[in-house]
Protein backbone atom coordinates (compact mmCIF):
# COMPACT_ATOMS: atom_id res chain seq x y z
CA MET A 1 -18.55 43.79 -48.19
CA SER A 2 -16.58 44.15 -44.79
CA SER A 3 -13.41 42.54 -44.57
CA GLY A 4 -12.66 39.20 -42.42
CA LEU A 5 -14.52 36.48 -43.57
CA SER A 6 -15.64 37.96 -46.39
CA GLY A 7 -12.08 38.79 -47.56
CA LEU A 8 -10.82 35.60 -47.07
CA ARG A 9 -13.74 33.79 -48.66
CA ALA A 10 -12.45 35.85 -51.70
CA VAL A 11 -9.39 33.79 -51.61
CA ALA A 12 -11.45 31.39 -53.53
CA TRP A 13 -11.30 33.38 -56.48
CA ARG A 14 -7.64 34.01 -56.36
CA SER A 15 -6.82 31.79 -59.40
CA THR A 16 -8.66 33.44 -61.81
CA CYS A 17 -8.77 37.05 -60.40
CA ARG A 18 -4.67 36.71 -60.57
CA ALA A 19 -4.79 36.07 -64.14
CA ILE A 20 -7.91 38.73 -64.69
CA ALA A 21 -5.18 41.22 -62.44
CA ALA A 22 -2.42 40.50 -65.19
CA LEU A 23 -4.86 41.23 -68.27
CA PHE A 24 -5.86 44.62 -66.92
CA PHE A 25 -1.93 45.63 -66.09
CA THR A 26 -2.25 47.37 -69.38
CA VAL A 27 -4.53 50.40 -68.78
CA ALA A 28 -1.53 51.59 -66.56
CA CYS A 29 -0.48 53.63 -69.82
CA LEU A 30 -3.80 55.36 -70.02
CA SER A 31 -3.61 58.72 -70.41
CA ALA A 32 -5.14 62.17 -69.05
CA GLN A 33 -6.87 64.20 -71.43
CA PRO A 34 -6.34 68.17 -70.42
CA THR A 35 -9.83 68.94 -71.14
CA PRO A 36 -12.10 66.24 -70.25
CA ARG A 37 -15.80 65.99 -72.03
CA ALA A 38 -18.63 67.04 -69.43
CA LEU A 39 -19.65 63.12 -68.13
CA PRO A 40 -23.47 62.68 -67.51
CA ASP A 41 -23.92 62.71 -64.00
CA SER A 42 -24.99 59.33 -63.69
CA VAL A 43 -21.16 58.15 -65.09
CA ARG A 44 -19.59 61.05 -62.34
CA GLY A 45 -21.75 59.48 -59.50
CA TYR A 46 -20.44 55.92 -60.25
CA VAL A 47 -16.99 56.79 -60.12
CA HIS A 48 -17.50 58.50 -56.81
CA ASP A 49 -19.24 56.00 -55.63
CA ALA A 50 -16.75 53.25 -56.57
CA MET A 51 -13.99 55.19 -55.52
CA THR A 52 -15.37 56.07 -52.02
CA ALA A 53 -15.91 52.44 -51.66
CA PHE A 54 -12.46 51.50 -52.82
CA ARG A 55 -11.28 54.23 -49.72
CA ALA A 56 -13.46 52.84 -47.38
CA HIS A 57 -12.33 49.03 -47.77
CA SER A 58 -8.35 49.37 -48.83
CA VAL A 59 -5.77 48.69 -46.17
CA HIS A 60 -3.75 52.01 -47.93
CA GLN A 61 -6.76 54.22 -46.83
CA ALA A 62 -4.18 56.28 -44.68
CA GLU A 63 -1.51 56.24 -47.68
CA VAL A 64 -3.36 57.44 -50.55
CA ASP A 65 -4.32 60.82 -51.70
CA TRP A 66 -8.30 59.56 -52.61
CA ARG A 67 -9.11 63.40 -53.71
CA ALA A 68 -6.53 63.64 -56.29
CA LEU A 69 -6.63 60.00 -57.83
CA GLU A 70 -10.27 60.32 -57.94
CA ASP A 71 -9.80 63.49 -60.28
CA SER A 72 -7.28 61.62 -62.23
CA VAL A 73 -10.15 58.83 -62.84
CA LEU A 74 -12.56 61.36 -64.10
CA ALA A 75 -10.25 62.74 -66.36
CA ARG A 76 -8.92 59.56 -67.82
CA SER A 77 -12.72 58.89 -68.53
CA ALA A 78 -13.63 61.57 -70.90
CA GLY A 79 -15.41 60.70 -73.31
CA ALA A 80 -17.45 57.84 -70.71
CA ARG A 81 -20.99 57.73 -71.35
CA THR A 82 -22.10 54.77 -69.21
CA PRO A 83 -20.51 53.26 -66.10
CA ALA A 84 -18.95 50.12 -67.79
CA ASP A 85 -17.22 52.73 -70.02
CA THR A 86 -14.92 53.76 -66.33
CA TRP A 87 -14.03 49.97 -65.78
CA GLN A 88 -10.67 50.23 -67.35
CA VAL A 89 -10.14 53.43 -65.62
CA LEU A 90 -11.20 52.15 -62.42
CA THR A 91 -8.96 48.93 -63.00
CA TRP A 92 -5.90 51.31 -63.74
CA ALA A 93 -6.90 53.02 -60.08
CA LEU A 94 -6.76 50.08 -58.25
CA ARG A 95 -3.74 48.66 -59.64
CA SER A 96 -1.83 52.10 -59.25
CA VAL A 97 -2.52 51.26 -55.51
CA ASP A 98 -1.58 47.85 -54.83
CA ARG A 99 -0.98 45.04 -57.20
CA HIS A 100 -4.05 42.93 -55.83
CA SER A 101 -7.09 45.08 -55.94
CA PHE A 102 -8.78 45.36 -59.62
CA LEU A 103 -12.22 45.21 -60.65
CA LEU A 104 -14.21 42.00 -61.47
CA PRO A 105 -16.91 42.89 -64.53
CA PRO A 106 -20.13 40.51 -64.17
CA PRO A 107 -19.34 37.08 -66.01
CA ASP A 108 -21.66 38.28 -69.18
CA ARG A 109 -19.13 40.84 -69.79
CA MET A 110 -16.07 39.04 -69.08
CA PRO A 111 -15.19 37.84 -72.64
CA ALA A 112 -15.99 41.35 -74.25
CA PHE A 113 -13.91 43.26 -71.20
CA VAL A 114 -10.65 41.09 -71.74
CA ALA A 115 -11.18 40.67 -75.58
CA GLY A 116 -7.70 41.13 -77.23
CA MET A 117 -5.81 41.04 -74.37
CA ALA A 118 -3.05 38.76 -73.62
CA PRO A 119 -2.41 37.26 -70.27
CA ALA A 120 0.83 37.69 -68.32
CA ARG A 121 2.91 34.46 -68.73
CA SER A 122 4.90 34.01 -65.85
CA THR A 123 8.80 32.29 -66.73
CA THR A 124 9.73 28.51 -66.69
CA PRO A 125 6.89 26.47 -64.49
CA PRO A 126 8.61 24.15 -61.95
CA PRO A 127 8.92 20.65 -63.11
CA VAL A 128 6.06 18.33 -63.27
CA ARG A 129 6.40 15.77 -60.64
CA GLN A 130 4.40 12.91 -59.22
CA GLU A 131 1.42 13.97 -56.40
CA ALA A 132 3.38 11.93 -54.07
CA SER A 133 5.97 9.68 -53.58
CA LEU A 134 8.67 8.45 -50.56
CA LEU A 135 11.80 9.58 -51.68
CA ASP A 136 15.33 7.87 -50.33
CA GLU A 137 12.72 5.28 -48.73
CA ARG A 138 11.82 7.64 -46.07
CA ILE A 139 11.15 11.25 -46.60
CA GLY A 140 7.24 11.84 -47.95
CA LEU A 141 6.61 14.16 -50.56
CA VAL A 142 3.39 15.55 -51.62
CA VAL A 143 2.26 17.69 -53.87
CA VAL A 144 0.17 20.82 -53.36
CA HIS A 145 -2.03 21.95 -56.64
CA GLY A 146 -4.67 25.38 -56.68
CA HIS A 147 -8.16 24.83 -56.00
CA THR A 148 -10.38 26.77 -57.64
CA GLY A 149 -14.07 27.43 -56.68
CA LEU A 150 -16.17 25.89 -54.17
CA ASN A 151 -14.70 22.85 -51.73
CA ARG A 152 -14.37 20.17 -53.60
CA PRO A 153 -13.82 17.04 -50.81
CA THR A 154 -12.41 14.64 -53.57
CA TYR A 155 -9.38 17.26 -53.62
CA VAL A 156 -8.86 16.88 -49.74
CA ASP A 157 -9.46 13.43 -49.78
CA SER A 158 -7.12 12.63 -52.39
CA LEU A 159 -4.69 15.03 -49.99
CA LEU A 160 -4.95 12.94 -46.70
CA ALA A 161 -4.96 9.74 -48.65
CA ARG A 162 -1.57 10.34 -49.38
CA LEU A 163 -0.59 11.48 -46.19
CA GLY A 164 -1.51 8.41 -45.12
CA THR A 165 -0.12 6.17 -47.38
CA LEU A 166 3.50 8.18 -46.70
CA ASP A 167 2.89 7.82 -43.05
CA ARG A 168 2.13 3.99 -43.02
CA ALA A 169 5.26 3.59 -45.46
CA GLY A 170 7.42 5.34 -42.36
CA ALA A 171 8.65 8.69 -43.40
CA CYS A 172 10.82 10.54 -41.20
CA GLY A 173 10.33 13.67 -42.90
CA TRP A 174 8.16 15.65 -45.28
CA VAL A 175 8.62 17.53 -48.34
CA VAL A 176 5.49 19.73 -49.09
CA ASP A 177 5.78 21.41 -52.64
CA LEU A 178 3.57 24.21 -52.86
CA ARG A 179 5.71 25.36 -56.49
CA ASN A 180 2.73 24.39 -58.39
CA ASP A 181 0.10 26.14 -55.96
CA THR A 182 -1.17 28.81 -57.84
CA GLY A 183 -4.04 29.81 -55.69
CA GLY A 184 -7.46 29.30 -55.56
CA ASN A 185 -9.27 28.61 -52.24
CA MET A 186 -7.16 28.39 -49.41
CA TRP A 187 -9.97 26.43 -47.38
CA PRO A 188 -9.34 22.64 -49.12
CA MET A 189 -5.96 23.01 -49.10
CA LEU A 190 -5.54 23.40 -45.14
CA ALA A 191 -8.17 21.15 -44.99
CA GLY A 192 -6.15 18.51 -47.01
CA ILE A 193 -2.48 19.23 -45.64
CA GLY A 194 -3.82 20.08 -42.16
CA PRO A 195 -2.31 16.88 -40.60
CA LEU A 196 1.09 18.23 -40.77
CA LEU A 197 0.61 22.03 -39.75
CA GLY A 198 0.97 21.15 -36.13
CA ALA A 199 -1.48 23.40 -34.34
CA GLU A 200 -5.04 24.23 -34.46
CA VAL A 201 -4.98 28.31 -35.18
CA VAL A 202 -2.19 28.52 -38.47
CA GLY A 203 -2.98 32.05 -39.57
CA SER A 204 -5.56 35.29 -39.40
CA LEU A 205 -5.76 38.40 -40.82
CA THR A 206 -4.62 42.14 -39.82
CA ASN A 207 -8.17 43.66 -40.00
CA GLU A 208 -9.71 40.58 -37.64
CA ARG A 209 -10.32 41.27 -34.14
CA SER A 210 -8.26 39.14 -31.17
CA GLY A 211 -9.60 35.50 -31.01
CA LEU A 212 -10.67 34.77 -34.69
CA GLY A 213 -8.17 32.90 -37.35
CA TRP A 214 -7.96 30.14 -39.39
CA HIS A 215 -8.29 27.29 -38.24
CA TYR A 216 -7.97 23.35 -38.82
CA ARG A 217 -9.22 20.29 -36.82
CA ASP A 218 -9.93 16.64 -37.51
CA GLY A 219 -9.90 17.39 -41.53
CA ARG A 220 -12.22 20.49 -41.17
CA SER A 221 -10.59 24.23 -41.78
CA TRP A 222 -12.59 27.33 -41.35
CA ASN A 223 -11.95 31.12 -40.17
CA GLY A 224 -13.45 32.14 -37.06
CA ASP A 225 -13.37 31.32 -33.63
CA SER A 226 -12.31 28.38 -32.18
CA THR A 227 -16.08 26.68 -32.45
CA PRO A 228 -16.34 25.24 -35.82
CA PRO A 229 -19.19 25.93 -38.03
CA ALA A 230 -22.06 23.55 -39.19
CA ALA A 231 -20.27 23.97 -42.58
CA PRO A 232 -16.63 24.56 -42.69
CA LEU A 233 -14.82 26.03 -46.04
CA GLY A 234 -12.73 23.36 -46.32
CA TRP A 235 -13.75 19.34 -45.43
CA GLY A 236 -13.55 15.77 -46.77
CA SER A 237 -15.82 13.13 -47.16
CA ALA A 238 -14.09 10.64 -44.52
CA PRO A 239 -12.21 11.30 -41.44
CA PRO A 240 -8.54 12.09 -41.92
CA PRO A 241 -6.26 9.54 -41.05
CA ARG A 242 -4.03 9.51 -37.45
CA LEU A 243 -0.48 10.16 -38.80
CA VAL A 244 2.03 8.59 -36.48
CA HIS A 245 4.53 10.88 -37.96
CA ALA A 246 2.41 14.11 -37.92
CA ASP A 247 5.59 16.02 -35.72
CA ALA A 248 8.36 15.17 -38.33
CA PRO A 249 10.37 17.90 -39.90
CA VAL A 250 8.72 19.63 -42.83
CA ALA A 251 10.64 20.91 -45.40
CA LEU A 252 8.39 23.72 -48.05
CA LEU A 253 8.92 24.15 -51.80
CA VAL A 254 8.03 27.35 -53.18
CA GLY A 255 8.61 29.56 -56.17
CA ARG A 256 7.62 32.15 -58.49
CA GLU A 257 4.22 30.48 -59.09
CA THR A 258 3.28 30.06 -55.33
CA ALA A 259 0.84 32.39 -55.28
CA SER A 260 -2.16 33.90 -53.50
CA SER A 261 -3.70 30.77 -51.34
CA GLY A 262 -0.42 28.72 -52.47
CA GLU A 263 1.49 31.52 -50.17
CA MET A 264 -1.27 31.47 -47.50
CA VAL A 265 -0.63 28.15 -47.03
CA LEU A 266 3.17 28.49 -46.87
CA LEU A 267 2.18 30.85 -44.27
CA ALA A 268 0.50 28.19 -42.64
CA PHE A 269 3.26 26.78 -41.81
CA LEU A 270 5.83 29.40 -40.65
CA GLY A 271 5.82 29.46 -37.16
CA ARG A 272 5.74 25.48 -36.49
CA PRO A 273 8.71 23.54 -34.83
CA ASN A 274 10.99 21.88 -37.35
CA VAL A 275 9.89 23.79 -40.73
CA ARG A 276 12.20 25.36 -43.55
CA SER A 277 11.21 26.22 -46.50
CA PHE A 278 13.69 26.23 -49.90
CA GLY A 279 13.29 27.78 -53.92
CA ASP A 280 12.31 31.29 -54.35
CA SER A 281 10.42 34.20 -53.31
CA THR A 282 6.66 33.67 -54.10
CA ALA A 283 4.12 35.26 -56.36
CA GLY A 284 3.65 38.39 -53.84
CA TYR A 285 -0.35 38.16 -53.65
CA THR A 286 -0.48 37.51 -49.81
CA SER A 287 -3.25 39.79 -48.80
CA GLY A 288 -7.10 38.96 -47.26
CA ASN A 289 -9.60 40.98 -50.27
CA ALA A 290 -13.07 42.18 -49.60
CA ASN A 291 -15.23 41.82 -52.46
CA VAL A 292 -17.40 45.40 -52.96
CA PRO A 293 -20.14 44.83 -55.33
CA LEU A 294 -21.24 48.35 -57.81
CA ARG A 295 -24.83 49.19 -58.82
CA ASP A 296 -24.34 47.62 -62.03
CA GLY A 297 -23.20 44.26 -61.13
CA ALA A 298 -19.51 44.41 -61.13
CA THR A 299 -17.35 43.93 -58.14
CA LEU A 300 -14.02 45.62 -56.85
CA ILE A 301 -11.67 43.09 -55.47
CA VAL A 302 -9.80 45.21 -52.72
CA THR A 303 -6.83 44.21 -50.54
CA SER A 304 -8.61 45.00 -47.21
CA SER A 305 -5.82 43.45 -45.19
CA TYR A 306 -2.64 41.42 -44.76
CA PRO A 307 -2.31 37.90 -43.52
CA ARG A 308 -0.39 36.83 -40.25
CA ASP A 309 1.28 33.70 -39.04
CA ARG A 310 0.31 31.98 -35.95
CA LEU A 311 3.26 33.94 -34.35
CA GLY A 312 1.53 37.09 -35.45
CA ARG A 313 4.05 37.99 -37.89
CA THR A 314 2.59 40.41 -40.66
CA TYR A 315 3.34 39.39 -44.47
CA PRO A 316 2.58 42.41 -46.61
CA LEU A 317 4.14 41.28 -49.84
CA ARG A 318 5.85 38.07 -51.53
CA ILE A 319 7.36 36.00 -48.89
CA ALA A 320 11.18 34.78 -49.15
CA PRO A 321 12.19 30.87 -48.39
CA ASP A 322 14.35 30.39 -45.33
CA GLU A 323 17.11 28.91 -48.56
CA VAL A 324 17.40 30.78 -52.04
CA VAL A 325 18.08 28.12 -54.51
CA LEU A 326 17.75 28.26 -57.99
CA ALA A 327 15.15 25.75 -59.91
CA SER A 328 17.86 23.79 -61.44
CA ASP A 329 21.06 22.26 -60.74
CA GLY A 330 22.79 22.72 -64.07
CA ALA A 331 22.56 18.97 -64.58
CA GLY A 332 18.78 19.20 -65.42
CA GLY A 333 17.88 18.30 -61.51
CA ASP A 334 15.93 19.47 -59.04
CA ALA A 335 18.14 21.65 -56.84
CA PRO A 336 15.17 23.16 -54.33
CA LEU A 337 14.24 19.31 -54.19
CA GLY A 338 17.79 17.99 -53.60
CA ARG A 339 18.46 20.86 -50.81
CA ALA A 340 15.20 19.92 -49.05
CA VAL A 341 15.99 16.26 -48.96
CA ALA A 342 19.67 17.05 -47.75
CA TRP A 343 18.18 19.13 -44.99
CA LEU A 344 15.61 16.63 -43.75
CA HIS A 345 18.20 13.89 -43.67
CA ARG A 346 20.19 16.05 -40.84
CA GLN A 347 17.89 16.27 -39.07
CA PRO A 348 17.17 14.17 -35.80
CA ALA A 349 14.23 12.09 -36.85
CA CYS A 350 16.09 11.15 -40.36
CA ALA A 351 19.60 11.00 -39.00
CA GLY A 352 21.13 7.45 -39.99
CA HIS A 353 18.39 7.07 -42.82
CA SER A 354 20.27 8.61 -45.63
């Protein structure tokens, strides 16, 4: 598939795919055989087709010695009798080029492919917080979680309802907590948090032509031009609330669990007036991926582009916060949240309400 919209739709796979990619990292220790057994023509052709597709879609097209990489894949595939026997070696090749490219087996082969492998686990997870609350009687806190699969209107409705409740309570500033947003489908996230974004076009990909981008308008999110499609990518079941305090300052909480689509939501806020981020650098899965089907039902997930914020700045790896704050203050408190609230209280909209 081509990049652009197909690459962005791949965002809906990100939570599952990120874990799968971590599982496959163990194949990096596969060693080449000095005298590889002759491969069947069907296997050799499969590898060639897969590597040709990888090269055609990769954002690193001009940076890799593709002939040498394909030769290495063939050598490491010694003994392979079927295309499926090369999946792990192809995954090694994909991962050796960049950390967000990998091979996705057909659904019926997934359990056998990952059997016996333990997924990589992150460090200490962020503390569990309420979904929404009013801090110091004036600061609206909203927690955004990952969203897997196609758009769920209930997810969007829930976020919009929380914003409406806090706005009616008189929020002078907002804390948007993305530390538990491990990814998935970015479009319901944008539709749900959209009233705080402060613009309609909030991002794009580097391989999209001018005039295309990520849009939010009236509770709907989509990729493309300014004309909303009949079927947007993110939407709720009811019109969004009209927030009185939509333009109030926003503090973003991010960390190592903010990944993939969660990073895209962070990026959608960058360039907005009166926004500042706190916490730790993100997971580093900021990319637009193309889904490239292979003839046996497997799919290459290939990094084909990088995201840009509304000001045109590109983010190829981790996104660092404006203020790096360790997760704990040493007394069991939430240091990033404390720093964010303190910053909001210093803003004119909230001054005098501490």
